[in-house]
Amino acid sequence: MEFNRLLQIRRIYAQAAALELPRGREIVERWPDADVVLVDNHWNIPEVHGDETNVPRWSRIKTEALVLGVKKALTVKPNGRSADFIAPSTANGCAMACAYCYVPRHKGYSNPVTVFANIDQIAGALERHVRRQGMKLEPNQCDPELWVYDIGENSDCSVDALISDNVEDLVKLFRDLPTAKLSFATKYVNRAMLGWDHGGHTRIRFSLMPADLAKSVDVRTSPVAERMAAINDFVDAGYEVHMNFSPVIITDTWLSDWEVLLRQLDATLTTAAKAQLAAEVIFLTHNERLHDVNLGWHPQAESVLWRPDLQESKVSSNGFTNVRYRAGSKAGYVRQLAALIEEITPYCRIRYAF
């Protein structure tokens, strides 16, 4: 089972306050043979986070360790790209191990899933925020009618749903909020979600990239062809399904590789799926610290991710050195890919590209 491949939990690092909450107890009961280790802070766990000696054990820690915490900051942040707002996370980290993932830049070297047990507080903060917004009076690229809240900025909600009911609880919450919908991107096909009662207020964004490249950099994820085929099933189940063409990675064959992907997509999608389709196009941003980490566990990925001949540095607000494709070249890449999308899948509206 995919569940067993991704999650074979042997140790649960838990804040005492998380164990006092119903959701925390439910999660511990799912893995009755796991050792429960009390911790003061869900971030500062030297055995798991921030220890460079863990780099070679990256995937094993993701498989075997789970963290239970209580989220203190319940702030809803404005966005404007993927969504109107970014919701407080119900989890962070991931059981998958995409080589370009930005979350480890903040969390440390191993980055297993941390689940927040105070789901009632998170849901309450979200509901209050939605109700304060009232109706959406002006359409925008996020959505013409409803406020969109991204609930998966720091994790993959399809995998999170294997661990707890947090994601389904938010799906049910937004089902009953007439002015808003939730959204999240995913690289994992969780078919249990096809039976959820979402009321049409959930937008799932399946992330796609050329399949051969994904085998190298989308580590432990569902195969691209499986994600692509799942779009039809989730549309049939009443979900709104968009795509993230993400990240777009420049290689010697990148444009022809994307042509293959788009033609496969066009041949796979049903008429119903095509009719509601839209996409976000996101080019790779990499990070100097993550580059150093990857050299310790997955150096072959860095041959395509770390390209000083194509990239330029930019220091981010948190002081990390990020690298992006050079601005002058990137504008050309965007035009080339947009033209290819228009040629092969003209029904696929590009919501934004950067």
Protein backbone atom coordinates (compact mmCIF):
# COMPACT_ATOMS: atom_id res chain seq x y z
CA MET A 1 0.00 0.00 0.00
CA GLU A 2 1.13 3.55 -0.75
CA PHE A 3 0.26 4.45 2.83
CA ASN A 4 2.82 1.95 4.10
CA ARG A 5 5.48 3.10 1.64
CA LEU A 6 5.25 6.75 2.69
CA LEU A 7 4.42 6.41 6.37
CA GLN A 8 5.82 3.71 8.63
CA ILE A 9 5.69 5.75 11.82
CA ARG A 10 7.94 4.50 14.62
CA ARG A 11 8.40 7.67 16.68
CA ILE A 12 5.91 10.43 17.41
CA TYR A 13 7.47 13.59 18.82
CA ALA A 14 4.64 15.33 20.62
CA GLN A 15 4.04 18.46 22.60
CA ALA A 16 2.11 17.64 25.77
CA ALA A 17 -0.59 20.15 24.80
CA ALA A 18 -1.13 18.30 21.51
CA LEU A 19 -1.66 15.01 23.30
CA GLU A 20 -4.37 16.62 25.42
CA LEU A 21 -6.45 17.43 22.34
CA PRO A 22 -8.80 14.92 20.64
CA ARG A 23 -6.99 15.16 17.30
CA GLY A 24 -3.64 14.47 18.92
CA ARG A 25 -4.99 11.39 20.67
CA GLU A 26 -6.60 10.15 17.43
CA ILE A 27 -3.29 10.36 15.60
CA VAL A 28 -1.38 8.50 18.32
CA GLU A 29 -4.02 5.77 18.22
CA ARG A 30 -3.40 5.27 14.48
CA TRP A 31 0.15 4.11 15.27
CA PRO A 32 -0.20 2.26 18.59
CA ASP A 33 3.25 0.67 18.30
CA ALA A 34 5.07 3.97 17.82
CA ASP A 35 7.18 5.43 20.61
CA VAL A 36 5.81 8.75 21.84
CA VAL A 37 8.57 11.23 22.74
CA LEU A 38 7.56 14.38 24.61
CA VAL A 39 9.09 17.59 23.27
CA ASP A 40 8.79 21.20 24.35
CA ASN A 41 8.72 22.66 20.84
CA HIS A 42 7.54 21.20 17.56
CA TRP A 43 10.28 23.08 15.67
CA ASN A 44 13.34 22.56 17.84
CA ILE A 45 13.91 18.80 17.85
CA PRO A 46 17.65 18.26 17.33
CA GLU A 47 17.18 14.54 16.62
CA VAL A 48 14.97 15.44 13.65
CA HIS A 49 15.48 19.07 12.64
CA GLY A 50 18.57 21.05 11.92
CA ASP A 51 21.11 18.25 12.37
CA GLU A 52 23.41 17.96 9.38
CA THR A 53 24.25 14.35 10.25
CA ASN A 54 20.66 13.48 9.31
CA VAL A 55 21.10 14.38 5.65
CA PRO A 56 21.88 10.82 4.44
CA ARG A 57 18.84 9.57 6.42
CA TRP A 58 16.48 12.20 4.94
CA SER A 59 13.89 9.81 3.48
CA ARG A 60 14.00 7.37 6.38
CA ILE A 61 13.23 10.12 8.87
CA LYS A 62 10.32 11.28 6.69
CA THR A 63 8.97 7.72 6.72
CA GLU A 64 9.42 6.90 10.37
CA ALA A 65 8.99 10.17 12.29
CA LEU A 66 5.89 12.24 12.93
CA VAL A 67 5.60 15.42 14.98
CA LEU A 68 2.48 16.56 16.84
CA GLY A 69 2.23 20.21 17.78
CA VAL A 70 -0.08 23.07 18.61
CA LYS A 71 -0.05 25.97 16.19
CA LYS A 72 0.14 29.33 17.91
CA ALA A 73 0.00 31.76 14.98
CA LEU A 74 -3.46 31.65 13.41
CA THR A 75 -2.87 34.52 11.00
CA VAL A 76 -4.56 34.54 7.59
CA LYS A 77 -2.17 36.14 5.08
CA PRO A 78 -3.10 37.91 1.83
CA ASN A 79 -1.71 36.32 -1.31
CA GLY A 80 -3.16 37.13 -4.73
CA ARG A 81 -1.41 34.44 -6.77
CA SER A 82 -2.57 30.89 -6.02
CA ALA A 83 -5.29 32.21 -3.75
CA ASP A 84 -6.69 35.37 -2.27
CA PHE A 85 -5.45 34.29 1.17
CA ILE A 86 -3.08 31.77 2.75
CA ALA A 87 -4.73 29.91 5.62
CA PRO A 88 -2.97 28.97 8.85
CA SER A 89 -1.31 25.61 8.24
CA THR A 90 -2.81 22.46 9.69
CA ALA A 91 0.54 20.75 9.01
CA ASN A 92 4.01 21.45 7.72
CA GLY A 93 6.66 19.25 6.23
CA CYS A 94 6.02 16.27 3.99
CA ALA A 95 6.49 12.51 3.71
CA MET A 96 7.54 13.04 0.10
CA ALA A 97 10.98 14.40 -0.72
CA CYS A 98 10.94 16.68 -3.77
CA ALA A 99 14.51 17.85 -4.27
CA TYR A 100 13.50 21.48 -4.88
CA CYS A 101 11.03 21.83 -1.98
CA TYR A 102 11.28 25.20 -0.26
CA VAL A 103 9.92 24.08 3.13
CA PRO A 104 13.23 22.56 4.36
CA ARG A 105 14.81 25.97 4.00
CA HIS A 106 12.89 27.00 7.09
CA LYS A 107 12.50 23.73 8.98
CA GLY A 108 15.78 21.87 8.82
CA TYR A 109 17.42 18.89 7.26
CA SER A 110 14.88 16.08 7.51
CA ASN A 111 11.50 17.80 7.49
CA PRO A 112 8.99 15.05 8.35
CA VAL A 113 5.33 15.93 8.73
CA THR A 114 4.28 18.04 11.70
CA VAL A 115 0.53 17.89 12.30
CA PHE A 116 -1.20 20.53 14.38
CA ALA A 117 -3.74 19.07 16.77
CA ASN A 118 -5.64 22.31 17.50
CA ILE A 119 -7.74 21.98 14.36
CA ASP A 120 -10.79 23.54 16.05
CA GLN A 121 -8.88 26.76 16.69
CA ILE A 122 -7.53 26.83 13.13
CA ALA A 123 -10.96 26.22 11.64
CA GLY A 124 -12.51 28.86 13.89
CA ALA A 125 -9.97 31.48 12.83
CA LEU A 126 -10.63 30.68 9.18
CA GLU A 127 -14.39 30.81 9.51
CA ARG A 128 -14.25 34.18 11.24
CA HIS A 129 -11.97 35.56 8.52
CA VAL A 130 -14.24 34.31 5.73
CA ARG A 131 -17.31 35.83 7.33
CA ARG A 132 -15.56 39.18 7.80
CA GLN A 133 -14.79 39.29 4.07
CA GLY A 134 -18.42 39.14 3.06
CA MET A 135 -19.16 38.60 -0.62
CA LYS A 136 -16.50 38.92 -3.29
CA LEU A 137 -17.66 41.94 -5.27
CA GLU A 138 -14.97 42.05 -7.98
CA PRO A 139 -13.71 39.02 -9.90
CA ASN A 140 -9.96 38.37 -10.06
CA GLN A 141 -7.67 35.69 -11.43
CA CYS A 142 -7.94 33.68 -8.20
CA ASP A 143 -11.67 33.17 -8.78
CA PRO A 144 -14.48 35.24 -10.31
CA GLU A 145 -16.97 34.71 -7.48
CA LEU A 146 -15.53 33.19 -4.31
CA TRP A 147 -12.70 34.06 -1.96
CA VAL A 148 -9.98 31.40 -2.33
CA TYR A 149 -7.97 30.19 0.67
CA ASP A 150 -4.86 28.06 0.14
CA ILE A 151 -4.66 25.54 2.99
CA GLY A 152 -1.50 23.72 1.84
CA GLU A 153 1.29 26.27 1.64
CA ASN A 154 3.68 24.25 3.82
CA SER A 155 2.62 20.64 3.23
CA ASP A 156 0.85 18.33 0.78
CA CYS A 157 -2.74 18.03 1.94
CA SER A 158 -3.36 14.76 0.09
CA VAL A 159 -0.65 13.12 2.20
CA ASP A 160 -1.74 14.97 5.34
CA ALA A 161 -5.15 13.34 4.88
CA LEU A 162 -3.50 9.94 5.38
CA ILE A 163 -2.42 11.02 8.84
CA SER A 164 -5.41 12.86 10.29
CA ASP A 165 -8.85 14.28 9.50
CA ASN A 166 -7.58 17.88 9.56
CA VAL A 167 -7.89 18.38 5.81
CA GLU A 168 -11.34 16.79 5.56
CA ASP A 169 -12.49 18.96 8.47
CA LEU A 170 -11.54 22.08 6.50
CA VAL A 171 -13.19 20.72 3.33
CA LYS A 172 -16.41 20.30 5.31
CA LEU A 173 -16.02 23.78 6.79
CA PHE A 174 -15.71 25.45 3.39
CA ARG A 175 -18.53 23.33 1.99
CA ASP A 176 -20.84 25.32 4.23
CA LEU A 177 -19.29 28.75 3.62
CA PRO A 178 -21.18 30.25 0.66
CA THR A 179 -18.61 32.97 -0.13
CA ALA A 180 -15.35 30.98 -0.13
CA LYS A 181 -13.54 27.90 -1.37
CA LEU A 182 -10.31 26.23 -0.32
CA SER A 183 -7.44 25.20 -2.55
CA PHE A 184 -4.24 23.19 -2.34
CA ALA A 185 -1.59 21.80 -4.67
CA THR A 186 -0.62 18.14 -4.55
CA LYS A 187 1.74 15.59 -6.05
CA TYR A 188 -0.01 12.62 -4.46
CA VAL A 189 -3.20 10.88 -5.59
CA ASN A 190 -5.32 10.10 -2.52
CA ARG A 191 -8.38 8.35 -3.88
CA ALA A 192 -10.12 8.31 -0.51
CA MET A 193 -10.79 12.00 -1.12
CA LEU A 194 -13.06 11.13 -4.06
CA GLY A 195 -15.77 10.22 -1.55
CA TRP A 196 -15.59 13.42 0.49
CA ASP A 197 -18.60 15.73 0.72
CA HIS A 198 -17.01 18.97 -0.50
CA GLY A 199 -20.00 20.77 -2.00
CA GLY A 200 -17.94 22.05 -4.92
CA HIS A 201 -15.98 24.40 -2.67
CA THR A 202 -12.60 22.64 -3.01
CA ARG A 203 -10.07 23.32 -5.77
CA ILE A 204 -7.32 20.73 -6.12
CA ARG A 205 -4.25 21.66 -8.14
CA PHE A 206 -2.32 18.66 -9.43
CA SER A 207 1.33 19.53 -10.00
CA LEU A 208 2.75 18.25 -13.27
CA MET A 209 6.16 18.27 -14.95
CA PRO A 210 7.80 16.11 -17.66
CA ALA A 211 7.77 12.53 -16.42
CA ASP A 212 11.45 11.66 -16.90
CA LEU A 213 12.52 14.74 -14.97
CA ALA A 214 9.98 14.00 -12.24
CA LYS A 215 11.55 10.58 -11.68
CA SER A 216 14.72 12.37 -10.61
CA VAL A 217 13.42 15.35 -8.63
CA ASP A 218 9.85 14.42 -7.53
CA VAL A 219 11.05 11.85 -5.03
CA ARG A 220 8.42 9.56 -3.39
CA THR A 221 5.49 11.21 -5.21
CA SER A 222 2.71 9.68 -7.32
CA PRO A 223 3.86 9.16 -10.94
CA VAL A 224 3.00 12.03 -13.27
CA ALA A 225 0.77 9.84 -15.45
CA GLU A 226 -1.21 8.81 -12.37
CA ARG A 227 -1.70 12.43 -11.32
CA MET A 228 -2.77 13.33 -14.83
CA ALA A 229 -5.35 10.54 -15.03
CA ALA A 230 -6.67 11.44 -11.58
CA ILE A 231 -7.78 14.85 -12.85
CA ASN A 232 -10.68 13.18 -14.66
CA ASP A 233 -11.75 11.22 -11.59
CA PHE A 234 -11.71 14.24 -9.31
CA VAL A 235 -13.68 16.31 -11.84
CA ASP A 236 -16.22 13.48 -12.02
CA ALA A 237 -16.42 13.63 -8.22
CA GLY A 238 -17.42 17.30 -8.43
CA TYR A 239 -14.12 18.91 -7.51
CA GLU A 240 -12.73 21.90 -9.33
CA VAL A 241 -9.36 20.70 -10.64
CA HIS A 242 -6.60 22.97 -11.86
CA MET A 243 -2.94 22.23 -12.54
CA ASN A 244 0.35 23.58 -11.36
CA PHE A 245 2.95 23.35 -14.08
CA SER A 246 5.59 23.45 -11.41
CA PRO A 247 8.43 23.80 -11.16
CA VAL A 248 9.45 24.48 -14.73
CA ILE A 249 13.11 23.45 -14.86
CA ILE A 250 15.27 24.52 -17.78
CA THR A 251 17.26 21.72 -19.40
CA ASP A 252 18.66 21.24 -22.89
CA THR A 253 15.42 19.51 -23.90
CA TRP A 254 12.94 21.33 -21.67
CA LEU A 255 10.62 22.66 -24.35
CA SER A 256 10.34 19.39 -26.27
CA ASP A 257 9.79 17.58 -22.94
CA TRP A 258 6.91 19.93 -22.13
CA GLU A 259 5.46 19.33 -25.59
CA VAL A 260 5.35 15.60 -24.85
CA LEU A 261 3.68 16.26 -21.50
CA LEU A 262 1.07 18.60 -22.94
CA ARG A 263 0.18 16.19 -25.74
CA GLN A 264 -0.21 13.39 -23.19
CA LEU A 265 -2.38 15.68 -21.09
CA ASP A 266 -4.56 16.56 -24.06
CA ALA A 267 -5.03 12.88 -24.88
CA THR A 268 -5.82 11.97 -21.27
CA LEU A 269 -8.33 14.60 -20.19
CA THR A 270 -12.06 14.22 -20.69
CA THR A 271 -14.20 16.94 -22.20
CA ALA A 272 -15.54 17.78 -18.74
CA ALA A 273 -12.03 18.11 -17.30
CA LYS A 274 -10.90 20.34 -20.17
CA ALA A 275 -13.92 22.61 -19.81
CA GLN A 276 -13.00 23.72 -16.29
CA LEU A 277 -9.22 23.65 -16.57
CA ALA A 278 -6.78 26.38 -15.60
CA ALA A 279 -3.12 26.34 -14.67
CA GLU A 280 -0.45 28.13 -12.69
CA VAL A 281 3.01 28.18 -14.27
CA ILE A 282 5.84 28.44 -11.75
CA PHE A 283 9.50 28.41 -12.73
CA LEU A 284 12.11 26.95 -10.41
CA THR A 285 13.49 28.92 -7.50
CA HIS A 286 16.34 27.14 -5.75
CA ASN A 287 18.30 27.85 -2.59
CA GLU A 288 21.95 27.75 -1.66
CA ARG A 289 21.42 25.93 1.62
CA LEU A 290 19.10 23.38 0.01
CA HIS A 291 21.69 22.85 -2.73
CA ASP A 292 24.24 21.96 -0.06
CA VAL A 293 21.79 19.57 1.61
CA ASN A 294 20.93 17.87 -1.67
CA LEU A 295 24.59 17.21 -2.36
CA GLY A 296 24.51 15.02 0.74
CA TRP A 297 21.60 12.79 -0.24
CA HIS A 298 20.59 13.32 -3.88
CA PRO A 299 23.44 14.98 -5.80
CA GLN A 300 22.20 13.92 -9.25
CA ALA A 301 19.20 16.24 -8.87
CA GLU A 302 21.52 19.20 -8.53
CA SER A 303 22.79 18.79 -12.09
CA VAL A 304 19.47 20.25 -13.27
CA LEU A 305 18.46 22.33 -10.25
CA TRP A 306 21.71 24.22 -9.67
CA ARG A 307 22.65 25.95 -12.91
CA PRO A 308 24.86 29.00 -12.25
CA ASP A 309 25.17 29.42 -16.01
CA LEU A 310 21.42 30.13 -16.21
CA GLN A 311 20.59 31.52 -12.77
CA GLU A 312 21.14 34.66 -10.75
CA SER A 313 21.18 35.13 -6.98
CA LYS A 314 18.76 37.09 -4.88
CA VAL A 315 18.85 37.40 -1.11
CA SER A 316 15.38 36.80 0.30
CA SER A 317 13.75 38.61 3.20
CA ASN A 318 14.82 35.81 5.59
CA GLY A 319 18.47 36.19 4.58
CA PHE A 320 18.70 33.03 2.48
CA THR A 321 20.41 33.17 -0.90
CA ASN A 322 17.92 32.04 -3.56
CA VAL A 323 18.70 31.49 -7.21
CA ARG A 324 16.25 32.10 -10.05
CA TYR A 325 16.58 32.03 -13.79
CA ARG A 326 18.00 35.31 -15.04
CA ALA A 327 15.24 37.81 -15.54
CA GLY A 328 15.96 38.55 -19.18
CA SER A 329 16.07 34.86 -20.12
CA LYS A 330 13.13 33.86 -17.95
CA ALA A 331 10.75 36.22 -19.76
CA GLY A 332 11.60 34.36 -22.95
CA TYR A 333 11.07 30.97 -21.32
CA VAL A 334 7.63 32.07 -20.10
CA ARG A 335 6.64 33.20 -23.60
CA GLN A 336 7.82 29.93 -25.15
CA LEU A 337 5.93 27.73 -22.71
CA ALA A 338 2.78 29.89 -22.87
CA ALA A 339 2.81 29.62 -26.66
CA LEU A 340 3.16 25.83 -26.43
CA ILE A 341 0.24 25.61 -23.99
CA GLU A 342 -1.89 27.74 -26.30
CA GLU A 343 -1.00 25.55 -29.28
CA ILE A 344 -1.58 22.12 -27.71
CA THR A 345 -4.10 22.79 -24.91
CA PRO A 346 -5.83 26.04 -25.89
CA TYR A 347 -8.66 25.35 -23.43
CA CYS A 348 -6.19 25.60 -20.52
CA ARG A 349 -6.28 29.14 -19.17
CA ILE A 350 -3.03 30.28 -17.57
CA ARG A 351 -4.03 31.96 -14.33
CA TYR A 352 -0.55 33.37 -13.80
CA ALA A 353 3.06 32.61 -14.63
CA PHE A 354 6.24 33.61 -12.82
